[in-house]
Every structure is written in C-alpha cells, then in structure tokens.
Amino acid sequence: MNFDPASLTDSRIHQAFTYWDSLRNGREIPARADIDPSEIIRILPFVLLVDVCYDPMDFRIRLAGTDIVERFGQEITGCRLQDIDLDGKHEQVFREYCLTVEQRQPLLFTEEFRRHDGKYMNYVRLLCPLSRNGDRIDMLFGVQVPQPGLPDTRTPAAP
C-alpha cells in the first residue's frame, strides 16, 4: 500500500478503507456484492464505484456520490474517465486507476487542478479493488474527499 492505514487522518477515508478491509473476510479482494450502502451512510456522498473495462483498458463511473457531483458541478455517473473535465490530468488520473488494478490493493492519491471552466479542484481519493471472482479486478470502490486547507485564492482561468 502507498499509505499506512493508521495514518489516515480524514475520518471518511479511514472509514472507507476500514469498511473495504472488513469485507475481505480472509480473501485478498472483496466483491461489489459485499458492499451494503446502509453500512456506510455517512460516507455515501463521497463514494465512487468505477467499472474496470478491459480490451482496451478504460474506466466508467458507475456511481458518484452527491458531494462529488456537487464539486464537479455535473453528474459524472455513467461517464468514462476521459469524458470528465480533469484539465489535462487525464493521463495521470488514468495511470492512478490502472495502478490500483495492477497492484490489487488500496491506493491513495491527491489531485489539485483547475478545470477548463475555472473551478479549482483539490481532493484526496482512495481507490480499492473489487473482484467478482476473486481474481480479475472488475470494479473499484473508493471515496473522494475535499483536501483540507485554505480555499483557493488564485484568479480563475480566463474563459
């Protein structure tokens, strides 16, 4: 893992990791069917479920929590990763999703960028693999929470 679970300071990220870890029940990777939304009500606004597509590798947002949708200013459920305004960070974010699939373990990422519409984005994202058959990663579960810190004071990009 690229983080020590004990060092997670954001309670939402910690809860998501702890929940995912509890679903393993002795297995390497839990399945999507193991997730019960009623058990994670407090973090649902920050939850991401992402389909992993192969041949070619791609990612489609299956579910984006209400906080994520509000911060992006648009519904991203159903969108492919490349269709979301990440201001030129598509390759980097795509590699992060791929890395989670390849390493078959939870990974933590921090993103900071200004979208094409001038909106400043700053968040931490935890991605955890899911597998129906215990072998092939077919979905990612995670949370995406606003990065703590001072609000952005930079001038928005010109339209």
N, C-alpha and C. Protein backbone atom coordinates (compact mmCIF):
# COMPACT_ATOMS: atom_id res chain seq x y z
N MET A 1 0.83 -1.19 0.00
CA MET A 1 0.00 0.00 0.00
C MET A 1 0.87 1.24 0.00
N ASN A 2 0.36 2.31 -0.60
CA ASN A 2 1.15 3.54 -0.63
C ASN A 2 0.83 4.43 0.57
N PHE A 3 0.21 3.86 1.59
CA PHE A 3 -0.11 4.60 2.80
C PHE A 3 -0.22 3.62 3.95
N ASP A 4 -0.08 4.14 5.15
CA ASP A 4 -0.28 3.35 6.35
C ASP A 4 -1.70 3.63 6.83
N PRO A 5 -2.58 2.65 6.83
CA PRO A 5 -3.97 2.90 7.22
C PRO A 5 -4.10 3.61 8.58
N ALA A 6 -3.16 3.36 9.47
CA ALA A 6 -3.21 4.01 10.79
C ALA A 6 -2.95 5.51 10.69
N SER A 7 -2.34 5.94 9.59
CA SER A 7 -2.01 7.36 9.44
C SER A 7 -3.11 8.16 8.74
N LEU A 8 -4.19 7.51 8.35
CA LEU A 8 -5.26 8.22 7.66
C LEU A 8 -5.94 9.17 8.63
N THR A 9 -5.83 10.46 8.35
CA THR A 9 -6.38 11.46 9.27
C THR A 9 -7.80 11.86 8.92
N ASP A 10 -8.21 11.70 7.69
CA ASP A 10 -9.58 12.04 7.32
C ASP A 10 -10.48 10.86 7.69
N SER A 11 -11.47 11.10 8.54
CA SER A 11 -12.30 10.01 9.04
C SER A 11 -13.08 9.31 7.92
N ARG A 12 -13.42 10.05 6.86
CA ARG A 12 -14.17 9.44 5.76
C ARG A 12 -13.30 8.46 4.99
N ILE A 13 -12.05 8.83 4.76
CA ILE A 13 -11.13 7.93 4.07
C ILE A 13 -10.83 6.73 4.95
N HIS A 14 -10.61 6.99 6.22
CA HIS A 14 -10.35 5.90 7.16
C HIS A 14 -11.53 4.93 7.20
N GLN A 15 -12.75 5.46 7.26
CA GLN A 15 -13.94 4.61 7.30
C GLN A 15 -14.07 3.78 6.02
N ALA A 16 -13.80 4.39 4.87
CA ALA A 16 -13.90 3.66 3.60
C ALA A 16 -12.88 2.52 3.55
N PHE A 17 -11.65 2.81 3.96
CA PHE A 17 -10.63 1.76 3.95
C PHE A 17 -10.99 0.65 4.92
N THR A 18 -11.37 1.01 6.14
CA THR A 18 -11.71 0.03 7.16
C THR A 18 -12.88 -0.83 6.71
N TYR A 19 -13.86 -0.20 6.07
CA TYR A 19 -15.02 -0.94 5.56
C TYR A 19 -14.58 -1.93 4.48
N TRP A 20 -13.81 -1.45 3.49
CA TRP A 20 -13.33 -2.33 2.42
C TRP A 20 -12.55 -3.50 3.02
N ASP A 21 -11.66 -3.20 3.95
CA ASP A 21 -10.82 -4.23 4.57
C ASP A 21 -11.69 -5.26 5.30
N SER A 22 -12.76 -4.80 5.95
CA SER A 22 -13.64 -5.72 6.68
C SER A 22 -14.41 -6.65 5.73
N LEU A 23 -14.61 -6.23 4.50
CA LEU A 23 -15.35 -7.04 3.53
C LEU A 23 -14.52 -8.21 2.99
N ARG A 24 -13.23 -8.14 3.19
CA ARG A 24 -12.37 -9.18 2.61
C ARG A 24 -12.63 -10.55 3.23
N ASN A 25 -12.90 -10.60 4.52
CA ASN A 25 -13.21 -11.88 5.17
C ASN A 25 -12.23 -12.99 4.80
N GLY A 26 -10.95 -12.70 4.90
CA GLY A 26 -9.93 -13.69 4.58
C GLY A 26 -9.55 -13.77 3.11
N ARG A 27 -10.28 -13.04 2.27
CA ARG A 27 -9.97 -13.04 0.84
C ARG A 27 -9.01 -11.88 0.54
N GLU A 28 -8.35 -11.95 -0.59
CA GLU A 28 -7.47 -10.86 -1.00
C GLU A 28 -8.29 -9.61 -1.34
N ILE A 29 -9.40 -9.83 -2.06
CA ILE A 29 -10.19 -8.71 -2.58
C ILE A 29 -11.68 -9.03 -2.43
N PRO A 30 -12.46 -8.10 -1.87
CA PRO A 30 -13.91 -8.32 -1.79
C PRO A 30 -14.58 -8.07 -3.14
N ALA A 31 -15.86 -8.37 -3.19
CA ALA A 31 -16.66 -8.17 -4.41
C ALA A 31 -17.62 -7.00 -4.22
N ARG A 32 -18.11 -6.45 -5.30
CA ARG A 32 -19.11 -5.39 -5.25
C ARG A 32 -20.34 -5.86 -4.48
N ALA A 33 -20.71 -7.10 -4.63
CA ALA A 33 -21.90 -7.64 -3.97
C ALA A 33 -21.76 -7.61 -2.45
N ASP A 34 -20.55 -7.50 -1.94
CA ASP A 34 -20.33 -7.43 -0.49
C ASP A 34 -20.68 -6.07 0.09
N ILE A 35 -20.73 -5.05 -0.74
CA ILE A 35 -20.98 -3.68 -0.26
C ILE A 35 -22.46 -3.49 0.04
N ASP A 36 -22.73 -3.02 1.25
CA ASP A 36 -24.09 -2.71 1.68
C ASP A 36 -24.13 -1.21 1.99
N PRO A 37 -24.77 -0.42 1.13
CA PRO A 37 -24.79 1.04 1.34
C PRO A 37 -25.31 1.45 2.72
N SER A 38 -26.18 0.66 3.32
CA SER A 38 -26.71 1.02 4.64
C SER A 38 -25.63 0.99 5.72
N GLU A 39 -24.51 0.35 5.43
CA GLU A 39 -23.41 0.27 6.39
C GLU A 39 -22.44 1.44 6.27
N ILE A 40 -22.59 2.25 5.21
CA ILE A 40 -21.65 3.36 5.00
C ILE A 40 -22.40 4.66 4.70
N ILE A 41 -23.54 4.83 5.34
CA ILE A 41 -24.38 6.00 5.07
C ILE A 41 -23.61 7.31 5.21
N ARG A 42 -22.79 7.43 6.24
CA ARG A 42 -22.07 8.68 6.50
C ARG A 42 -21.12 9.07 5.36
N ILE A 43 -20.58 8.09 4.66
CA ILE A 43 -19.62 8.42 3.60
C ILE A 43 -20.21 8.33 2.20
N LEU A 44 -21.47 7.94 2.07
CA LEU A 44 -22.07 7.79 0.73
C LEU A 44 -21.91 9.02 -0.17
N PRO A 45 -22.01 10.25 0.35
CA PRO A 45 -21.83 11.40 -0.54
C PRO A 45 -20.45 11.46 -1.20
N PHE A 46 -19.47 10.74 -0.66
CA PHE A 46 -18.09 10.80 -1.15
C PHE A 46 -17.67 9.54 -1.89
N VAL A 47 -18.59 8.58 -2.01
CA VAL A 47 -18.28 7.27 -2.57
C VAL A 47 -18.22 7.30 -4.09
N LEU A 48 -17.27 6.54 -4.61
CA LEU A 48 -17.12 6.28 -6.04
C LEU A 48 -17.18 4.77 -6.26
N LEU A 49 -17.93 4.35 -7.25
CA LEU A 49 -17.85 2.99 -7.76
C LEU A 49 -17.51 3.12 -9.24
N VAL A 50 -16.47 2.44 -9.65
CA VAL A 50 -15.95 2.60 -11.00
C VAL A 50 -15.81 1.24 -11.66
N ASP A 51 -16.45 1.06 -12.82
CA ASP A 51 -16.29 -0.16 -13.60
C ASP A 51 -14.92 -0.17 -14.25
N VAL A 52 -14.25 -1.32 -14.19
CA VAL A 52 -12.98 -1.50 -14.88
C VAL A 52 -13.29 -2.26 -16.16
N CYS A 53 -12.96 -1.65 -17.30
CA CYS A 53 -13.21 -2.26 -18.61
C CYS A 53 -11.86 -2.68 -19.20
N TYR A 54 -11.85 -3.78 -19.88
CA TYR A 54 -10.62 -4.30 -20.48
C TYR A 54 -10.75 -4.33 -21.99
N ASP A 55 -9.60 -4.35 -22.65
CA ASP A 55 -9.50 -4.52 -24.11
C ASP A 55 -10.28 -3.50 -24.91
N PRO A 56 -9.96 -2.24 -24.90
CA PRO A 56 -8.83 -1.62 -24.19
C PRO A 56 -9.22 -1.23 -22.76
N MET A 57 -8.19 -1.02 -21.95
CA MET A 57 -8.41 -0.62 -20.56
C MET A 57 -9.13 0.71 -20.52
N ASP A 58 -10.17 0.78 -19.71
CA ASP A 58 -10.95 2.00 -19.58
C ASP A 58 -11.66 1.96 -18.23
N PHE A 59 -12.17 3.09 -17.80
CA PHE A 59 -12.87 3.19 -16.52
C PHE A 59 -14.13 4.00 -16.73
N ARG A 60 -15.25 3.49 -16.20
CA ARG A 60 -16.54 4.16 -16.31
C ARG A 60 -17.09 4.34 -14.90
N ILE A 61 -17.50 5.56 -14.60
CA ILE A 61 -18.05 5.86 -13.29
C ILE A 61 -19.42 5.20 -13.16
N ARG A 62 -19.55 4.23 -12.29
CA ARG A 62 -20.81 3.54 -12.06
C ARG A 62 -21.67 4.36 -11.10
N LEU A 63 -21.01 4.96 -10.10
CA LEU A 63 -21.73 5.76 -9.10
C LEU A 63 -20.79 6.84 -8.57
N ALA A 64 -21.28 8.05 -8.53
CA ALA A 64 -20.55 9.16 -7.90
C ALA A 64 -21.45 9.76 -6.84
N GLY A 65 -20.97 9.82 -5.62
CA GLY A 65 -21.76 10.38 -4.53
C GLY A 65 -22.13 11.83 -4.76
N THR A 66 -23.11 12.29 -4.02
CA THR A 66 -23.65 13.64 -4.21
C THR A 66 -22.61 14.73 -3.97
N ASP A 67 -21.69 14.54 -3.04
CA ASP A 67 -20.65 15.55 -2.81
C ASP A 67 -19.72 15.65 -4.02
N ILE A 68 -19.40 14.53 -4.60
CA ILE A 68 -18.52 14.52 -5.77
C ILE A 68 -19.21 15.23 -6.94
N VAL A 69 -20.47 14.89 -7.16
CA VAL A 69 -21.24 15.52 -8.25
C VAL A 69 -21.32 17.02 -8.03
N GLU A 70 -21.59 17.42 -6.80
CA GLU A 70 -21.70 18.85 -6.49
C GLU A 70 -20.38 19.58 -6.73
N ARG A 71 -19.28 18.98 -6.31
CA ARG A 71 -17.98 19.63 -6.51
C ARG A 71 -17.60 19.70 -7.99
N PHE A 72 -17.95 18.68 -8.76
CA PHE A 72 -17.65 18.71 -10.20
C PHE A 72 -18.65 19.57 -10.96
N GLY A 73 -19.79 19.87 -10.34
CA GLY A 73 -20.77 20.73 -10.98
C GLY A 73 -21.53 20.06 -12.10
N GLN A 74 -21.49 18.73 -12.14
CA GLN A 74 -22.21 17.97 -13.16
C GLN A 74 -22.30 16.52 -12.73
N GLU A 75 -23.28 15.84 -13.25
CA GLU A 75 -23.42 14.40 -12.98
C GLU A 75 -22.34 13.67 -13.77
N ILE A 76 -21.53 12.88 -13.08
CA ILE A 76 -20.47 12.14 -13.79
C ILE A 76 -20.76 10.65 -13.79
N THR A 77 -21.83 10.23 -13.13
CA THR A 77 -22.23 8.82 -13.18
C THR A 77 -22.50 8.45 -14.63
N GLY A 78 -21.93 7.35 -15.06
CA GLY A 78 -22.08 6.89 -16.44
C GLY A 78 -20.99 7.39 -17.36
N CYS A 79 -20.20 8.36 -16.91
CA CYS A 79 -19.14 8.93 -17.76
C CYS A 79 -17.89 8.06 -17.71
N ARG A 80 -17.20 8.01 -18.84
CA ARG A 80 -15.88 7.41 -18.85
C ARG A 80 -14.92 8.42 -18.24
N LEU A 81 -13.85 7.95 -17.67
CA LEU A 81 -12.87 8.82 -17.04
C LEU A 81 -12.41 9.91 -17.99
N GLN A 82 -12.19 9.57 -19.25
CA GLN A 82 -11.69 10.54 -20.22
C GLN A 82 -12.71 11.62 -20.58
N ASP A 83 -13.98 11.41 -20.21
CA ASP A 83 -15.02 12.39 -20.52
C ASP A 83 -15.23 13.43 -19.42
N ILE A 84 -14.48 13.30 -18.33
CA ILE A 84 -14.62 14.21 -17.20
C ILE A 84 -13.55 15.29 -17.31
N ASP A 85 -13.93 16.53 -17.01
CA ASP A 85 -13.00 17.67 -17.09
C ASP A 85 -11.98 17.58 -15.96
N LEU A 86 -10.80 17.09 -16.29
CA LEU A 86 -9.70 16.98 -15.34
C LEU A 86 -8.54 17.90 -15.73
N ASP A 87 -8.81 18.87 -16.58
CA ASP A 87 -7.84 19.86 -17.02
C ASP A 87 -6.48 19.27 -17.40
N GLY A 88 -6.49 18.36 -18.31
CA GLY A 88 -5.22 17.83 -18.82
C GLY A 88 -4.57 16.79 -17.92
N LYS A 89 -5.21 16.40 -16.84
CA LYS A 89 -4.63 15.41 -15.94
C LYS A 89 -5.17 14.01 -16.24
N HIS A 90 -5.79 13.83 -17.39
CA HIS A 90 -6.39 12.54 -17.71
C HIS A 90 -5.38 11.40 -17.66
N GLU A 91 -4.20 11.61 -18.26
CA GLU A 91 -3.19 10.54 -18.27
C GLU A 91 -2.77 10.17 -16.87
N GLN A 92 -2.52 11.16 -16.04
CA GLN A 92 -2.09 10.90 -14.67
C GLN A 92 -3.17 10.16 -13.89
N VAL A 93 -4.40 10.64 -13.96
CA VAL A 93 -5.50 10.01 -13.22
C VAL A 93 -5.76 8.60 -13.78
N PHE A 94 -5.71 8.44 -15.09
CA PHE A 94 -5.87 7.12 -15.70
C PHE A 94 -4.81 6.16 -15.17
N ARG A 95 -3.55 6.63 -15.09
CA ARG A 95 -2.46 5.78 -14.56
C ARG A 95 -2.72 5.40 -13.10
N GLU A 96 -3.29 6.31 -12.32
CA GLU A 96 -3.60 6.02 -10.92
C GLU A 96 -4.65 4.91 -10.81
N TYR A 97 -5.68 4.99 -11.64
CA TYR A 97 -6.70 3.94 -11.65
C TYR A 97 -6.07 2.61 -12.09
N CYS A 98 -5.25 2.65 -13.14
CA CYS A 98 -4.58 1.44 -13.62
C CYS A 98 -3.67 0.85 -12.55
N LEU A 99 -2.96 1.69 -11.84
CA LEU A 99 -2.06 1.24 -10.78
C LEU A 99 -2.83 0.50 -9.69
N THR A 100 -4.01 0.97 -9.36
CA THR A 100 -4.83 0.30 -8.35
C THR A 100 -5.21 -1.10 -8.84
N VAL A 101 -5.54 -1.22 -10.12
CA VAL A 101 -5.88 -2.52 -10.70
C VAL A 101 -4.64 -3.42 -10.70
N GLU A 102 -3.51 -2.89 -11.15
CA GLU A 102 -2.28 -3.68 -11.24
C GLU A 102 -1.78 -4.14 -9.88
N GLN A 103 -1.82 -3.25 -8.90
CA GLN A 103 -1.27 -3.59 -7.59
C GLN A 103 -2.26 -4.36 -6.71
N ARG A 104 -3.54 -4.36 -7.11
CA ARG A 104 -4.55 -5.15 -6.42
C ARG A 104 -4.65 -4.80 -4.94
N GLN A 105 -4.49 -3.51 -4.65
CA GLN A 105 -4.57 -3.06 -3.27
C GLN A 105 -5.04 -1.61 -3.22
N PRO A 106 -5.51 -1.16 -2.08
CA PRO A 106 -5.95 0.23 -1.96
C PRO A 106 -4.78 1.20 -2.16
N LEU A 107 -5.07 2.27 -2.85
CA LEU A 107 -4.06 3.31 -3.08
C LEU A 107 -4.71 4.67 -2.84
N LEU A 108 -3.90 5.61 -2.39
CA LEU A 108 -4.35 6.95 -2.04
C LEU A 108 -3.68 7.96 -2.96
N PHE A 109 -4.48 8.90 -3.50
CA PHE A 109 -3.96 9.91 -4.43
C PHE A 109 -4.49 11.28 -4.05
N THR A 110 -3.70 12.30 -4.32
CA THR A 110 -4.12 13.68 -4.11
C THR A 110 -4.13 14.37 -5.46
N GLU A 111 -5.20 15.09 -5.74
CA GLU A 111 -5.33 15.82 -7.01
C GLU A 111 -5.54 17.30 -6.73
N GLU A 112 -4.91 18.13 -7.53
CA GLU A 112 -5.10 19.57 -7.46
C GLU A 112 -4.96 20.12 -8.87
N PHE A 113 -6.02 20.76 -9.34
CA PHE A 113 -6.00 21.33 -10.68
C PHE A 113 -7.14 22.32 -10.84
N ARG A 114 -7.09 23.08 -11.91
CA ARG A 114 -8.18 23.99 -12.25
C ARG A 114 -8.82 23.46 -13.53
N ARG A 115 -10.12 23.24 -13.45
CA ARG A 115 -10.85 22.73 -14.61
C ARG A 115 -10.92 23.79 -15.70
N HIS A 116 -11.33 23.37 -16.89
CA HIS A 116 -11.46 24.29 -18.02
C HIS A 116 -12.46 25.41 -17.74
N ASP A 117 -13.45 25.13 -16.88
CA ASP A 117 -14.44 26.16 -16.55
C ASP A 117 -13.94 27.11 -15.44
N GLY A 118 -12.69 26.94 -14.99
CA GLY A 118 -12.10 27.81 -13.99
C GLY A 118 -12.27 27.33 -12.56
N LYS A 119 -13.05 26.28 -12.34
CA LYS A 119 -13.28 25.78 -10.99
C LYS A 119 -12.04 25.05 -10.47
N TYR A 120 -11.63 25.43 -9.27
CA TYR A 120 -10.47 24.83 -8.62
C TYR A 120 -10.87 23.53 -7.94
N MET A 121 -10.12 22.48 -8.18
CA MET A 121 -10.40 21.16 -7.59
C MET A 121 -9.19 20.74 -6.76
N ASN A 122 -9.45 20.27 -5.56
CA ASN A 122 -8.39 19.85 -4.65
C ASN A 122 -8.99 18.76 -3.76
N TYR A 123 -8.59 17.50 -3.98
CA TYR A 123 -9.20 16.41 -3.23
C TYR A 123 -8.23 15.25 -3.05
N VAL A 124 -8.58 14.39 -2.10
CA VAL A 124 -7.86 13.15 -1.87
C VAL A 124 -8.80 12.02 -2.27
N ARG A 125 -8.25 11.03 -2.99
CA ARG A 125 -9.08 9.92 -3.47
C ARG A 125 -8.44 8.60 -3.04
N LEU A 126 -9.22 7.78 -2.39
CA LEU A 126 -8.83 6.42 -2.05
C LEU A 126 -9.52 5.49 -3.04
N LEU A 127 -8.77 4.62 -3.67
CA LEU A 127 -9.33 3.61 -4.57
C LEU A 127 -8.99 2.22 -4.04
N CYS A 128 -9.98 1.34 -4.01
CA CYS A 128 -9.81 -0.03 -3.52
C CYS A 128 -10.37 -1.00 -4.55
N PRO A 129 -9.64 -2.06 -4.86
CA PRO A 129 -10.11 -3.00 -5.89
C PRO A 129 -11.25 -3.90 -5.40
N LEU A 130 -12.10 -4.27 -6.35
CA LEU A 130 -13.18 -5.23 -6.12
C LEU A 130 -13.11 -6.29 -7.22
N SER A 131 -13.51 -7.52 -6.89
CA SER A 131 -13.48 -8.60 -7.87
C SER A 131 -14.61 -9.58 -7.62
N ARG A 132 -15.40 -9.84 -8.65
CA ARG A 132 -16.50 -10.81 -8.55
C ARG A 132 -15.98 -12.21 -8.28
N ASN A 133 -14.91 -12.58 -8.99
CA ASN A 133 -14.43 -13.95 -8.90
C ASN A 133 -13.16 -14.11 -8.04
N GLY A 134 -12.73 -13.03 -7.41
CA GLY A 134 -11.54 -13.10 -6.57
C GLY A 134 -10.24 -13.01 -7.33
N ASP A 135 -10.32 -12.90 -8.65
CA ASP A 135 -9.12 -12.85 -9.46
C ASP A 135 -9.05 -11.56 -10.27
N ARG A 136 -9.93 -11.43 -11.24
CA ARG A 136 -9.91 -10.25 -12.12
C ARG A 136 -10.58 -9.06 -11.44
N ILE A 137 -9.88 -7.92 -11.40
CA ILE A 137 -10.44 -6.70 -10.83
C ILE A 137 -11.46 -6.16 -11.83
N ASP A 138 -12.72 -6.07 -11.41
CA ASP A 138 -13.76 -5.59 -12.33
C ASP A 138 -14.41 -4.29 -11.88
N MET A 139 -14.05 -3.83 -10.67
CA MET A 139 -14.62 -2.58 -10.18
C MET A 139 -13.67 -2.00 -9.13
N LEU A 140 -13.77 -0.69 -8.96
CA LEU A 140 -13.04 0.00 -7.90
C LEU A 140 -14.06 0.67 -6.99
N PHE A 141 -13.81 0.58 -5.70
CA PHE A 141 -14.61 1.25 -4.67
C PHE A 141 -13.70 2.29 -4.04
N GLY A 142 -14.23 3.45 -3.78
CA GLY A 142 -13.41 4.44 -3.11
C GLY A 142 -14.20 5.63 -2.65
N VAL A 143 -13.46 6.57 -2.11
CA VAL A 143 -14.03 7.85 -1.71
C VAL A 143 -13.14 8.95 -2.25
N GLN A 144 -13.77 10.08 -2.48
CA GLN A 144 -13.06 11.27 -2.97
C GLN A 144 -13.53 12.42 -2.09
N VAL A 145 -12.61 12.95 -1.26
CA VAL A 145 -12.99 13.97 -0.29
C VAL A 145 -12.19 15.24 -0.53
N PRO A 146 -12.80 16.40 -0.25
CA PRO A 146 -12.08 17.65 -0.42
C PRO A 146 -10.82 17.67 0.44
N GLN A 147 -9.76 18.17 -0.14
CA GLN A 147 -8.47 18.27 0.56
C GLN A 147 -8.58 19.39 1.61
N PRO A 148 -8.20 19.10 2.84
CA PRO A 148 -8.24 20.17 3.83
C PRO A 148 -7.21 21.24 3.51
N GLY A 149 -7.49 22.44 3.92
CA GLY A 149 -6.56 23.52 3.69
C GLY A 149 -7.28 24.81 3.38
N LEU A 150 -6.52 25.79 3.02
CA LEU A 150 -7.07 27.10 2.73
C LEU A 150 -7.81 27.08 1.40
N PRO A 151 -8.86 27.88 1.28
CA PRO A 151 -9.54 27.95 -0.01
C PRO A 151 -8.61 28.54 -1.07
N ASP A 152 -8.86 28.18 -2.30
CA ASP A 152 -8.05 28.67 -3.41
C ASP A 152 -8.28 30.17 -3.61
N THR A 153 -7.19 30.91 -3.71
CA THR A 153 -7.29 32.36 -3.90
C THR A 153 -6.76 32.78 -5.26
N ARG A 154 -6.38 31.81 -6.08
CA ARG A 154 -5.86 32.15 -7.40
C ARG A 154 -6.97 32.66 -8.29
N THR A 155 -6.61 33.48 -9.23
CA THR A 155 -7.58 34.04 -10.17
C THR A 155 -8.04 32.93 -11.11
N PRO A 156 -9.37 32.81 -11.31
CA PRO A 156 -9.85 31.78 -12.24
C PRO A 156 -9.28 31.99 -13.64
N ALA A 157 -9.11 30.90 -14.35
CA ALA A 157 -8.63 30.97 -15.72
C ALA A 157 -9.61 31.75 -16.59
N ALA A 158 -9.07 32.42 -17.56
CA ALA A 158 -9.94 33.18 -18.50
C ALA A 158 -10.76 32.20 -19.32
N PRO A 159 -12.03 32.56 -19.61
CA PRO A 159 -12.89 31.65 -20.40
C PRO A 159 -12.39 31.49 -21.82
